[in-house]
Amino acid sequence: MQDEEEEARKHRLVRMTAEGFARETASESPAPGGGSISAYMGALAAALGTMVANLSAHKRGWDDRWKEFSDVAEAGQAVMQELLDLVDEDTAAFDKIMACFGMPKGTDEEKAARAAAIEEATLYAASVPLKTMEASLKALPLALEMARKGNPASASDAGVAALAARAACRGAELNVRINASGLKDPAPAKPLIARAAEILREAEALEAQVLEAVNNHINQ
């Protein structure tokens, strides 16, 4: 029973309905916020790429390509699940910071422990959206492959997948930087910020390639 309760707590957001998640986001609570939304956009990007792969696998006349597209769909499902887990992890990271602010600070020792805990939690909160960026980046090659080789009737879906994945990367990059800005010692976050910038460049380049392929289909 305890394990079930822990599992439900860890996946509270992703187990909501779409409407429930939107309303929870719209509430006055600061979380879920941009980090969780970025992760969810990435999950939707992977889901769309997976959908195109599944549709392509069952396209009439493409029976000999079933394995090719099924492999893409399997990879897309894994990326989607990784990002769904990050939806709740991002909010949990924020909650951890808030819990640290509630630690006692009556003595010098308590103040030092509180400050160290806040610093550690803040660095962790900067690392979670970087994981979202890494995972969302994986959705873009899938979208590109589907835009170029998948069912032409679903090319626009591959395009939306790319838009969502790039937006997920951009949104998560903002969260990496804003969480890093709360650190007293910025040095540990510098590699995170540098990697985030690198991922964003890769995501933007891949997005452009996907949209080019989609437009080629549409303009034929």
Protein backbone atom coordinates (compact mmCIF):
# COMPACT_ATOMS: atom_id res chain seq x y z
CA MET A 1 0.00 0.00 0.00
CA GLN A 2 2.82 2.35 0.89
CA ASP A 3 4.56 1.58 -2.40
CA GLU A 4 1.36 2.37 -4.30
CA GLU A 5 1.00 5.68 -2.49
CA GLU A 6 4.63 6.56 -3.24
CA GLU A 7 4.15 5.67 -6.91
CA ALA A 8 1.01 7.82 -7.08
CA ARG A 9 2.83 10.74 -5.47
CA LYS A 10 5.75 10.46 -7.90
CA HIS A 11 3.41 10.52 -10.89
CA ARG A 12 0.71 12.84 -9.57
CA LEU A 13 0.76 15.25 -12.51
CA VAL A 14 0.97 12.80 -15.39
CA ARG A 15 -1.92 10.81 -13.95
CA MET A 16 -4.20 13.83 -14.19
CA THR A 17 -6.58 14.35 -17.08
CA ALA A 18 -5.44 16.84 -19.72
CA GLU A 19 -7.98 19.33 -18.36
CA GLY A 20 -6.94 18.67 -14.77
CA PHE A 21 -3.28 19.25 -15.57
CA ALA A 22 -4.10 22.51 -17.38
CA ARG A 23 -6.20 23.73 -14.46
CA GLU A 24 -3.54 22.75 -11.93
CA THR A 25 -1.00 24.74 -13.95
CA ALA A 26 -3.36 27.72 -14.10
CA SER A 27 -3.82 27.79 -10.31
CA GLU A 28 -1.96 30.16 -8.00
CA SER A 29 0.47 27.40 -7.03
CA PRO A 30 3.93 28.08 -8.56
CA ALA A 31 4.28 24.42 -9.56
CA PRO A 32 3.79 22.82 -11.98
CA GLY A 33 5.44 25.58 -13.93
CA GLY A 34 7.52 26.07 -17.02
CA GLY A 35 9.84 23.16 -16.34
CA SER A 36 7.06 20.58 -16.10
CA ILE A 37 5.27 22.11 -19.08
CA SER A 38 8.49 21.87 -21.10
CA ALA A 39 8.80 18.20 -20.22
CA TYR A 40 5.19 17.59 -21.22
CA MET A 41 5.71 19.36 -24.55
CA GLY A 42 8.68 17.09 -25.15
CA ALA A 43 6.56 14.05 -24.31
CA LEU A 44 3.91 15.17 -26.79
CA ALA A 45 6.61 15.66 -29.42
CA ALA A 46 7.80 12.09 -28.93
CA ALA A 47 4.20 10.88 -28.95
CA LEU A 48 3.51 12.54 -32.30
CA GLY A 49 6.64 11.09 -33.86
CA THR A 50 5.58 7.69 -32.55
CA MET A 51 2.12 8.14 -34.02
CA VAL A 52 3.54 8.87 -37.48
CA ALA A 53 5.74 5.77 -37.20
CA ASN A 54 2.77 3.61 -36.26
CA LEU A 55 0.66 4.99 -39.08
CA SER A 56 3.52 4.43 -41.51
CA ALA A 57 4.01 0.85 -40.31
CA HIS A 58 0.40 0.08 -41.24
CA LYS A 59 0.25 2.06 -44.49
CA ARG A 60 -1.15 0.00 -47.34
CA GLY A 61 1.61 -1.12 -49.68
CA TRP A 62 4.37 -0.55 -47.15
CA ASP A 63 4.23 -4.02 -45.57
CA ASP A 64 7.92 -4.64 -46.22
CA ARG A 65 8.79 -1.56 -44.14
CA TRP A 66 6.86 -2.63 -41.04
CA LYS A 67 9.99 -3.40 -38.97
CA GLU A 68 11.64 -0.10 -39.94
CA PHE A 69 8.77 1.96 -38.62
CA SER A 70 8.09 -0.27 -35.63
CA ASP A 71 11.65 0.32 -34.44
CA VAL A 72 11.10 4.08 -34.67
CA ALA A 73 7.83 3.76 -32.76
CA GLU A 74 9.53 1.75 -30.01
CA ALA A 75 12.26 4.37 -29.67
CA GLY A 76 9.65 7.11 -29.56
CA GLN A 77 7.73 5.38 -26.79
CA ALA A 78 10.89 5.22 -24.67
CA VAL A 79 11.58 8.93 -25.14
CA MET A 80 7.97 9.77 -24.35
CA GLN A 81 8.10 7.82 -21.09
CA GLU A 82 11.38 9.46 -20.09
CA LEU A 83 9.80 12.89 -20.54
CA LEU A 84 6.58 11.96 -18.76
CA ASP A 85 8.67 11.01 -15.73
CA LEU A 86 10.39 14.40 -15.91
CA VAL A 87 7.05 16.24 -15.72
CA ASP A 88 6.72 15.25 -12.08
CA GLU A 89 10.44 15.27 -11.35
CA ASP A 90 10.69 18.94 -12.26
CA THR A 91 7.90 19.91 -9.87
CA ALA A 92 9.40 17.67 -7.17
CA ALA A 93 12.71 19.51 -7.57
CA PHE A 94 10.96 22.83 -6.99
CA ASP A 95 9.15 21.44 -3.95
CA LYS A 96 12.50 20.30 -2.56
CA ILE A 97 13.83 23.85 -2.69
CA MET A 98 10.74 25.12 -0.89
CA ALA A 99 11.16 22.46 1.79
CA CYS A 100 14.75 23.57 2.35
CA PHE A 101 13.62 27.15 2.88
CA GLY A 102 11.44 25.83 5.69
CA MET A 103 14.40 24.34 7.57
CA PRO A 104 15.23 25.81 11.01
CA LYS A 105 17.66 28.71 11.19
CA GLY A 106 17.86 29.52 14.87
CA THR A 107 21.56 28.74 15.33
CA ASP A 108 24.66 29.21 13.22
CA GLU A 109 24.80 25.45 12.64
CA GLU A 110 21.18 25.38 11.49
CA LYS A 111 21.75 28.35 9.23
CA ALA A 112 24.76 26.68 7.64
CA ALA A 113 22.87 23.40 7.15
CA ARG A 114 19.91 25.26 5.68
CA ALA A 115 22.09 27.24 3.27
CA ALA A 116 23.91 24.09 2.11
CA ALA A 117 20.63 22.26 1.58
CA ILE A 118 19.19 25.14 -0.45
CA GLU A 119 22.32 25.27 -2.59
CA GLU A 120 22.21 21.53 -3.24
CA ALA A 121 18.48 21.57 -4.05
CA THR A 122 18.89 24.55 -6.36
CA LEU A 123 21.66 22.85 -8.31
CA TYR A 124 19.47 19.77 -8.63
CA ALA A 125 16.60 21.95 -9.85
CA ALA A 126 18.89 23.30 -12.57
CA SER A 127 19.93 19.79 -13.60
CA VAL A 128 16.39 18.45 -14.08
CA PRO A 129 15.44 20.74 -16.99
CA LEU A 130 18.76 19.86 -18.59
CA LYS A 131 17.60 16.24 -18.52
CA THR A 132 14.40 17.45 -20.17
CA MET A 133 16.48 19.08 -22.89
CA GLU A 134 18.53 15.93 -23.45
CA ALA A 135 15.39 13.82 -23.74
CA SER A 136 13.50 16.30 -25.92
CA LEU A 137 16.46 16.47 -28.28
CA LYS A 138 16.03 12.73 -28.88
CA ALA A 139 12.52 13.39 -30.24
CA LEU A 140 13.85 15.54 -33.08
CA PRO A 141 15.76 12.91 -35.10
CA LEU A 142 12.65 10.73 -34.85
CA ALA A 143 10.53 13.59 -36.20
CA LEU A 144 13.06 14.19 -38.96
CA GLU A 145 13.08 10.55 -40.02
CA MET A 146 9.28 10.51 -40.11
CA ALA A 147 9.12 13.81 -42.01
CA ARG A 148 11.45 12.40 -44.66
CA LYS A 149 10.44 8.74 -44.81
CA GLY A 150 7.10 8.40 -43.05
CA ASN A 151 3.56 8.49 -44.37
CA PRO A 152 3.37 11.72 -46.43
CA ALA A 153 -0.19 12.28 -45.23
CA SER A 154 1.18 12.67 -41.70
CA ALA A 155 4.05 15.01 -42.57
CA SER A 156 2.41 17.92 -40.74
CA ASP A 157 2.28 15.80 -37.57
CA ALA A 158 6.03 15.28 -37.80
CA GLY A 159 6.35 19.04 -38.19
CA VAL A 160 4.32 19.72 -35.06
CA ALA A 161 6.46 17.15 -33.23
CA ALA A 162 9.55 19.15 -34.17
CA LEU A 163 7.97 22.43 -33.08
CA ALA A 164 7.01 20.93 -29.73
CA ALA A 165 10.42 19.35 -29.18
CA ARG A 166 12.28 22.56 -29.95
CA ALA A 167 9.91 24.53 -27.70
CA ALA A 168 10.52 21.97 -24.96
CA CYS A 169 14.25 22.49 -25.31
CA ARG A 170 13.92 26.27 -25.32
CA GLY A 171 11.63 26.30 -22.31
CA ALA A 172 13.81 23.91 -20.35
CA GLU A 173 16.90 25.98 -21.21
CA LEU A 174 15.27 28.99 -19.59
CA ASN A 175 14.68 26.91 -16.47
CA VAL A 176 18.27 25.70 -16.37
CA ARG A 177 19.48 29.29 -16.37
CA ILE A 178 16.94 30.75 -13.95
CA ASN A 179 17.52 27.98 -11.41
CA ALA A 180 21.28 28.32 -11.80
CA SER A 181 20.98 32.04 -11.14
CA GLY A 182 19.77 31.24 -7.62
CA LEU A 183 23.05 29.60 -6.65
CA LYS A 184 25.47 31.37 -4.32
CA ASP A 185 28.33 29.58 -6.07
CA PRO A 186 27.65 29.59 -9.83
CA ALA A 187 30.65 27.40 -10.73
CA PRO A 188 28.89 23.99 -10.49
CA ALA A 189 26.17 25.17 -12.87
CA LYS A 190 28.50 26.42 -15.62
CA PRO A 191 28.76 23.00 -17.34
CA LEU A 192 24.96 22.71 -17.21
CA ILE A 193 24.47 26.09 -18.85
CA ALA A 194 27.07 25.34 -21.51
CA ARG A 195 25.47 21.99 -22.36
CA ALA A 196 22.02 23.60 -22.44
CA ALA A 197 23.21 26.15 -25.00
CA GLU A 198 24.71 23.35 -27.10
CA ILE A 199 21.49 21.32 -27.03
CA LEU A 200 19.45 24.35 -28.00
CA ARG A 201 21.60 24.94 -31.07
CA GLU A 202 21.23 21.29 -32.08
CA ALA A 203 17.48 21.40 -31.53
CA GLU A 204 17.03 24.52 -33.65
CA ALA A 205 19.07 23.03 -36.50
CA LEU A 206 17.07 19.78 -36.44
CA GLU A 207 13.78 21.67 -36.27
CA ALA A 208 14.73 23.57 -39.43
CA GLN A 209 15.50 20.31 -41.22
CA VAL A 210 12.17 18.79 -40.20
CA LEU A 211 10.20 21.82 -41.35
CA GLU A 212 12.05 21.84 -44.66
CA ALA A 213 11.10 18.21 -45.23
CA VAL A 214 7.48 18.88 -44.23
CA ASN A 215 7.22 21.86 -46.55
CA ASN A 216 8.63 19.78 -49.39
CA HIS A 217 5.78 17.31 -48.90
CA ILE A 218 3.15 20.03 -48.66
CA ASN A 219 4.40 21.90 -51.73
CA GLN A 220 4.60 18.84 -53.99
